[in-house]
Amino acid sequence: MSIEARLQELGLQLPQPMNTDALPFDLVRADGNHLYLSGHVPTDLNGVMSGPSGSVGTEVSAAQAYETAAGIALGLCASIKAHVGDLDRVEKWLKIFGMVNAAPGFNKIPAVINGCSDTVLQIFGPKIGAHARSAVGMAELPFSVPVEIEAEVRIQS
């Protein structure tokens, strides 16, 4: 089954990739068949940064942050697709690095980033979607986003 068909089966829709024309870095950087994906933040279906905003554990609940991380997984997929043309070219997810804007005392950081990991595994399955991962808490994140996630994937040549 193609990844596009799997997305439809799961009822998931990829957003437009984030517009980064004004940023001094690439959203996706390729080195051979290795893709490095810059930190992605929550976006709406048009690729525009969206809410919720604030620290997880105070303004944003752990459940909201989990859903935010799941949405960011779709944003990562959208960036990959825009860069290589077809998500079926993803050979393996290598690493996910998740950052959580954590309120003092909030320690359920891995559970938040599970939103991204679970979504990647649902879409790509364990053979392609399994990955190494780090999940860390931060005192602040840009624009007060609750979650930011970067990733590395290998694509077929």
C-alpha atoms as a PDB file:
ATOM      1  CA  MET A   1       0.000   0.000   0.000  1.00  0.00           C
ATOM      2  CA  SER A   2       1.337   3.428  -0.890  1.00  0.00           C
ATOM      3  CA  ILE A   3       1.908   5.993   1.819  1.00  0.00           C
ATOM      4  CA  GLU A   4      -0.681   8.276   0.197  1.00  0.00           C
ATOM      5  CA  ALA A   5      -3.247   5.451   0.402  1.00  0.00           C
ATOM      6  CA  ARG A   6      -2.246   4.808   4.017  1.00  0.00           C
ATOM      7  CA  LEU A   7      -2.795   8.499   4.863  1.00  0.00           C
ATOM      8  CA  GLN A   8      -6.274   8.317   3.317  1.00  0.00           C
ATOM      9  CA  GLU A   9      -7.045   5.090   5.172  1.00  0.00           C
ATOM     10  CA  LEU A  10      -6.071   6.780   8.452  1.00  0.00           C
ATOM     11  CA  GLY A  11      -8.113   9.888   7.582  1.00  0.00           C
ATOM     12  CA  LEU A  12      -4.992  12.085   7.740  1.00  0.00           C
ATOM     13  CA  GLN A  13      -4.284  15.089   5.541  1.00  0.00           C
ATOM     14  CA  LEU A  14      -0.876  16.625   4.998  1.00  0.00           C
ATOM     15  CA  PRO A  15      -0.648  20.383   5.448  1.00  0.00           C
ATOM     16  CA  GLN A  16       1.097  22.619   2.968  1.00  0.00           C
ATOM     17  CA  PRO A  17       4.787  22.859   3.874  1.00  0.00           C
ATOM     18  CA  MET A  18       5.705  25.837   6.012  1.00  0.00           C
ATOM     19  CA  ASN A  19       6.725  28.904   4.036  1.00  0.00           C
ATOM     20  CA  THR A  20      10.342  29.570   4.997  1.00  0.00           C
ATOM     21  CA  ASP A  21      11.237  32.139   2.321  1.00  0.00           C
ATOM     22  CA  ALA A  22      12.158  34.689   4.996  1.00  0.00           C
ATOM     23  CA  LEU A  23      14.270  32.257   7.039  1.00  0.00           C
ATOM     24  CA  PRO A  24      18.052  31.971   6.709  1.00  0.00           C
ATOM     25  CA  PHE A  25      18.033  28.151   6.548  1.00  0.00           C
ATOM     26  CA  ASP A  26      16.517  25.286   4.586  1.00  0.00           C
ATOM     27  CA  LEU A  27      13.532  23.415   5.984  1.00  0.00           C
ATOM     28  CA  VAL A  28      14.951  20.264   4.387  1.00  0.00           C
ATOM     29  CA  ARG A  29      18.617  19.747   3.623  1.00  0.00           C
ATOM     30  CA  ALA A  30      19.753  16.742   1.594  1.00  0.00           C
ATOM     31  CA  ASP A  31      23.120  15.045   1.706  1.00  0.00           C
ATOM     32  CA  GLY A  32      22.953  12.202  -0.777  1.00  0.00           C
ATOM     33  CA  ASN A  33      20.008  10.048   0.267  1.00  0.00           C
ATOM     34  CA  HIS A  34      19.957  11.471   3.806  1.00  0.00           C
ATOM     35  CA  LEU A  35      17.448  14.247   4.589  1.00  0.00           C
ATOM     36  CA  TYR A  36      17.822  16.543   7.587  1.00  0.00           C
ATOM     37  CA  LEU A  37      14.558  18.231   8.541  1.00  0.00           C
ATOM     38  CA  SER A  38      14.836  21.490  10.459  1.00  0.00           C
ATOM     39  CA  GLY A  39      12.686  22.045  13.525  1.00  0.00           C
ATOM     40  CA  HIS A  40       9.001  22.023  12.610  1.00  0.00           C
ATOM     41  CA  VAL A  41       6.361  23.812  14.658  1.00  0.00           C
ATOM     42  CA  PRO A  42       2.551  23.508  14.680  1.00  0.00           C
ATOM     43  CA  THR A  43       0.902  24.654  11.446  1.00  0.00           C
ATOM     44  CA  ASP A  44      -2.575  24.660   9.983  1.00  0.00           C
ATOM     45  CA  LEU A  45      -3.419  22.956   6.680  1.00  0.00           C
ATOM     46  CA  ASN A  46      -2.171  26.039   4.805  1.00  0.00           C
ATOM     47  CA  GLY A  47       1.288  25.716   6.362  1.00  0.00           C
ATOM     48  CA  VAL A  48       0.804  28.789   8.562  1.00  0.00           C
ATOM     49  CA  MET A  49       2.044  28.600  12.142  1.00  0.00           C
ATOM     50  CA  SER A  50      -0.870  27.825  14.438  1.00  0.00           C
ATOM     51  CA  GLY A  51      -1.758  27.231  18.065  1.00  0.00           C
ATOM     52  CA  PRO A  52      -1.902  26.216  20.730  1.00  0.00           C
ATOM     53  CA  SER A  53       0.817  28.311  22.307  1.00  0.00           C
ATOM     54  CA  GLY A  54       2.461  28.414  25.693  1.00  0.00           C
ATOM     55  CA  SER A  55       4.120  26.060  28.116  1.00  0.00           C
ATOM     56  CA  VAL A  56       3.002  22.463  28.406  1.00  0.00           C
ATOM     57  CA  GLY A  57       1.761  21.863  31.913  1.00  0.00           C
ATOM     58  CA  THR A  58       0.249  25.322  32.334  1.00  0.00           C
ATOM     59  CA  GLU A  59      -1.300  26.944  29.213  1.00  0.00           C
ATOM     60  CA  VAL A  60      -1.219  23.733  27.136  1.00  0.00           C
ATOM     61  CA  SER A  61      -2.298  20.329  28.442  1.00  0.00           C
ATOM     62  CA  ALA A  62      -0.251  17.175  27.873  1.00  0.00           C
ATOM     63  CA  ALA A  63      -3.069  15.850  25.655  1.00  0.00           C
ATOM     64  CA  GLN A  64      -3.072  19.033  23.530  1.00  0.00           C
ATOM     65  CA  ALA A  65       0.713  18.840  23.230  1.00  0.00           C
ATOM     66  CA  TYR A  66       0.510  15.173  22.153  1.00  0.00           C
ATOM     67  CA  GLU A  67      -1.949  16.152  19.394  1.00  0.00           C
ATOM     68  CA  THR A  68       0.323  19.048  18.432  1.00  0.00           C
ATOM     69  CA  ALA A  69       3.252  16.636  18.084  1.00  0.00           C
ATOM     70  CA  ALA A  70       1.081  14.343  15.945  1.00  0.00           C
ATOM     71  CA  GLY A  71       0.278  17.298  13.681  1.00  0.00           C
ATOM     72  CA  ILE A  72       3.954  18.175  13.438  1.00  0.00           C
ATOM     73  CA  ALA A  73       4.612  14.627  12.193  1.00  0.00           C
ATOM     74  CA  LEU A  74       2.285  15.428   9.293  1.00  0.00           C
ATOM     75  CA  GLY A  75       4.182  18.675   8.706  1.00  0.00           C
ATOM     76  CA  LEU A  76       7.450  16.738   8.574  1.00  0.00           C
ATOM     77  CA  CYS A  77       5.882  14.399   6.015  1.00  0.00           C
ATOM     78  CA  ALA A  78       4.671  17.383   3.967  1.00  0.00           C
ATOM     79  CA  SER A  79       8.201  18.792   3.892  1.00  0.00           C
ATOM     80  CA  ILE A  80       9.639  15.452   2.805  1.00  0.00           C
ATOM     81  CA  LYS A  81       7.035  15.115   0.063  1.00  0.00           C
ATOM     82  CA  ALA A  82       7.685  18.659  -1.174  1.00  0.00           C
ATOM     83  CA  HIS A  83      11.412  17.947  -1.303  1.00  0.00           C
ATOM     84  CA  VAL A  84      11.430  14.477  -2.926  1.00  0.00           C
ATOM     85  CA  GLY A  85       7.992  14.334  -4.593  1.00  0.00           C
ATOM     86  CA  ASP A  86       6.747  11.051  -3.127  1.00  0.00           C
ATOM     87  CA  LEU A  87       6.586   9.737   0.435  1.00  0.00           C
ATOM     88  CA  ASP A  88       7.075   6.217  -0.903  1.00  0.00           C
ATOM     89  CA  ARG A  89      10.709   7.190  -1.414  1.00  0.00           C
ATOM     90  CA  VAL A  90      11.228   7.238   2.378  1.00  0.00           C
ATOM     91  CA  GLU A  91      13.359   4.191   3.086  1.00  0.00           C
ATOM     92  CA  LYS A  92      13.755   4.680   6.835  1.00  0.00           C
ATOM     93  CA  TRP A  93      13.073   7.207   9.564  1.00  0.00           C
ATOM     94  CA  LEU A  94      16.384   7.527  11.361  1.00  0.00           C
ATOM     95  CA  LYS A  95      15.857   9.977  14.208  1.00  0.00           C
ATOM     96  CA  ILE A  96      13.278  12.259  15.746  1.00  0.00           C
ATOM     97  CA  PHE A  97      14.368  15.021  18.113  1.00  0.00           C
ATOM     98  CA  GLY A  98      11.483  16.545  20.032  1.00  0.00           C
ATOM     99  CA  MET A  99      11.558  19.687  22.149  1.00  0.00           C
ATOM    100  CA  VAL A 100       8.776  20.571  24.555  1.00  0.00           C
ATOM    101  CA  ASN A 101       8.175  24.040  25.980  1.00  0.00           C
ATOM    102  CA  ALA A 102       7.857  22.607  29.486  1.00  0.00           C
ATOM    103  CA  ALA A 103       6.453  24.453  32.491  1.00  0.00           C
ATOM    104  CA  PRO A 104       8.506  24.033  35.674  1.00  0.00           C
ATOM    105  CA  GLY A 105       7.822  20.570  37.079  1.00  0.00           C
ATOM    106  CA  PHE A 106       6.309  19.150  33.858  1.00  0.00           C
ATOM    107  CA  ASN A 107       8.102  15.836  33.303  1.00  0.00           C
ATOM    108  CA  LYS A 108       5.880  13.961  30.833  1.00  0.00           C
ATOM    109  CA  ILE A 109       8.013  15.142  27.924  1.00  0.00           C
ATOM    110  CA  PRO A 110       8.455  11.705  26.287  1.00  0.00           C
ATOM    111  CA  ALA A 111       4.676  11.175  26.336  1.00  0.00           C
ATOM    112  CA  VAL A 112       4.222  14.443  24.400  1.00  0.00           C
ATOM    113  CA  ILE A 113       6.725  13.478  21.697  1.00  0.00           C
ATOM    114  CA  ASN A 114       4.999  10.095  21.433  1.00  0.00           C
ATOM    115  CA  GLY A 115       2.402  12.016  19.395  1.00  0.00           C
ATOM    116  CA  CYS A 116       4.960  12.363  16.620  1.00  0.00           C
ATOM    117  CA  SER A 117       6.446   8.886  16.991  1.00  0.00           C
ATOM    118  CA  ASP A 118       3.032   7.198  17.093  1.00  0.00           C
ATOM    119  CA  THR A 119       1.909   9.053  13.967  1.00  0.00           C
ATOM    120  CA  VAL A 120       5.075   8.196  12.017  1.00  0.00           C
ATOM    121  CA  LEU A 121       4.682   4.539  12.995  1.00  0.00           C
ATOM    122  CA  GLN A 122       0.981   4.536  12.009  1.00  0.00           C
ATOM    123  CA  ILE A 123       1.772   5.976   8.596  1.00  0.00           C
ATOM    124  CA  PHE A 124       4.978   4.145   7.703  1.00  0.00           C
ATOM    125  CA  GLY A 125       4.756   0.985   9.827  1.00  0.00           C
ATOM    126  CA  PRO A 126       7.548  -0.355  12.035  1.00  0.00           C
ATOM    127  CA  LYS A 127       9.938  -1.403   9.250  1.00  0.00           C
ATOM    128  CA  ILE A 128      10.266   2.137   7.842  1.00  0.00           C
ATOM    129  CA  GLY A 129       8.867   4.248  10.677  1.00  0.00           C
ATOM    130  CA  ALA A 130      10.920   2.916  13.621  1.00  0.00           C
ATOM    131  CA  HIS A 131      13.475   5.520  14.674  1.00  0.00           C
ATOM    132  CA  ALA A 132      15.923   6.642  17.336  1.00  0.00           C
ATOM    133  CA  ARG A 133      14.568   9.495  19.425  1.00  0.00           C
ATOM    134  CA  SER A 134      15.314  12.171  21.952  1.00  0.00           C
ATOM    135  CA  ALA A 135      12.703  14.162  23.858  1.00  0.00           C
ATOM    136  CA  VAL A 136      13.815  17.146  25.896  1.00  0.00           C
ATOM    137  CA  GLY A 137      12.175  19.927  27.859  1.00  0.00           C
ATOM    138  CA  MET A 138      13.020  23.543  27.169  1.00  0.00           C
ATOM    139  CA  ALA A 139      12.371  26.682  29.190  1.00  0.00           C
ATOM    140  CA  GLU A 140      11.088  28.422  26.034  1.00  0.00           C
ATOM    141  CA  LEU A 141      10.639  27.696  22.346  1.00  0.00           C
ATOM    142  CA  PRO A 142      10.412  30.205  19.461  1.00  0.00           C
ATOM    143  CA  PHE A 143       7.091  32.039  19.156  1.00  0.00           C
ATOM    144  CA  SER A 144       5.871  30.314  22.369  1.00  0.00           C
ATOM    145  CA  VAL A 145       5.080  27.091  20.496  1.00  0.00           C
ATOM    146  CA  PRO A 146       4.539  24.151  22.839  1.00  0.00           C
ATOM    147  CA  VAL A 147       6.429  21.642  20.674  1.00  0.00           C
ATOM    148  CA  GLU A 148       9.153  21.752  18.024  1.00  0.00           C
ATOM    149  CA  ILE A 149      10.418  18.620  16.269  1.00  0.00           C
ATOM    150  CA  GLU A 150      13.262  17.920  13.868  1.00  0.00           C
ATOM    151  CA  ALA A 151      14.016  14.640  12.104  1.00  0.00           C
ATOM    152  CA  GLU A 152      16.368  12.694   9.886  1.00  0.00           C
ATOM    153  CA  VAL A 153      15.240  10.240   7.205  1.00  0.00           C
ATOM    154  CA  ARG A 154      16.899   8.180   4.503  1.00  0.00           C
ATOM    155  CA  ILE A 155      15.309   8.126   1.066  1.00  0.00           C
ATOM    156  CA  GLN A 156      15.684   5.796  -1.880  1.00  0.00           C
ATOM    157  CA  SER A 157      17.959   7.119  -4.591  1.00  0.00           C
END
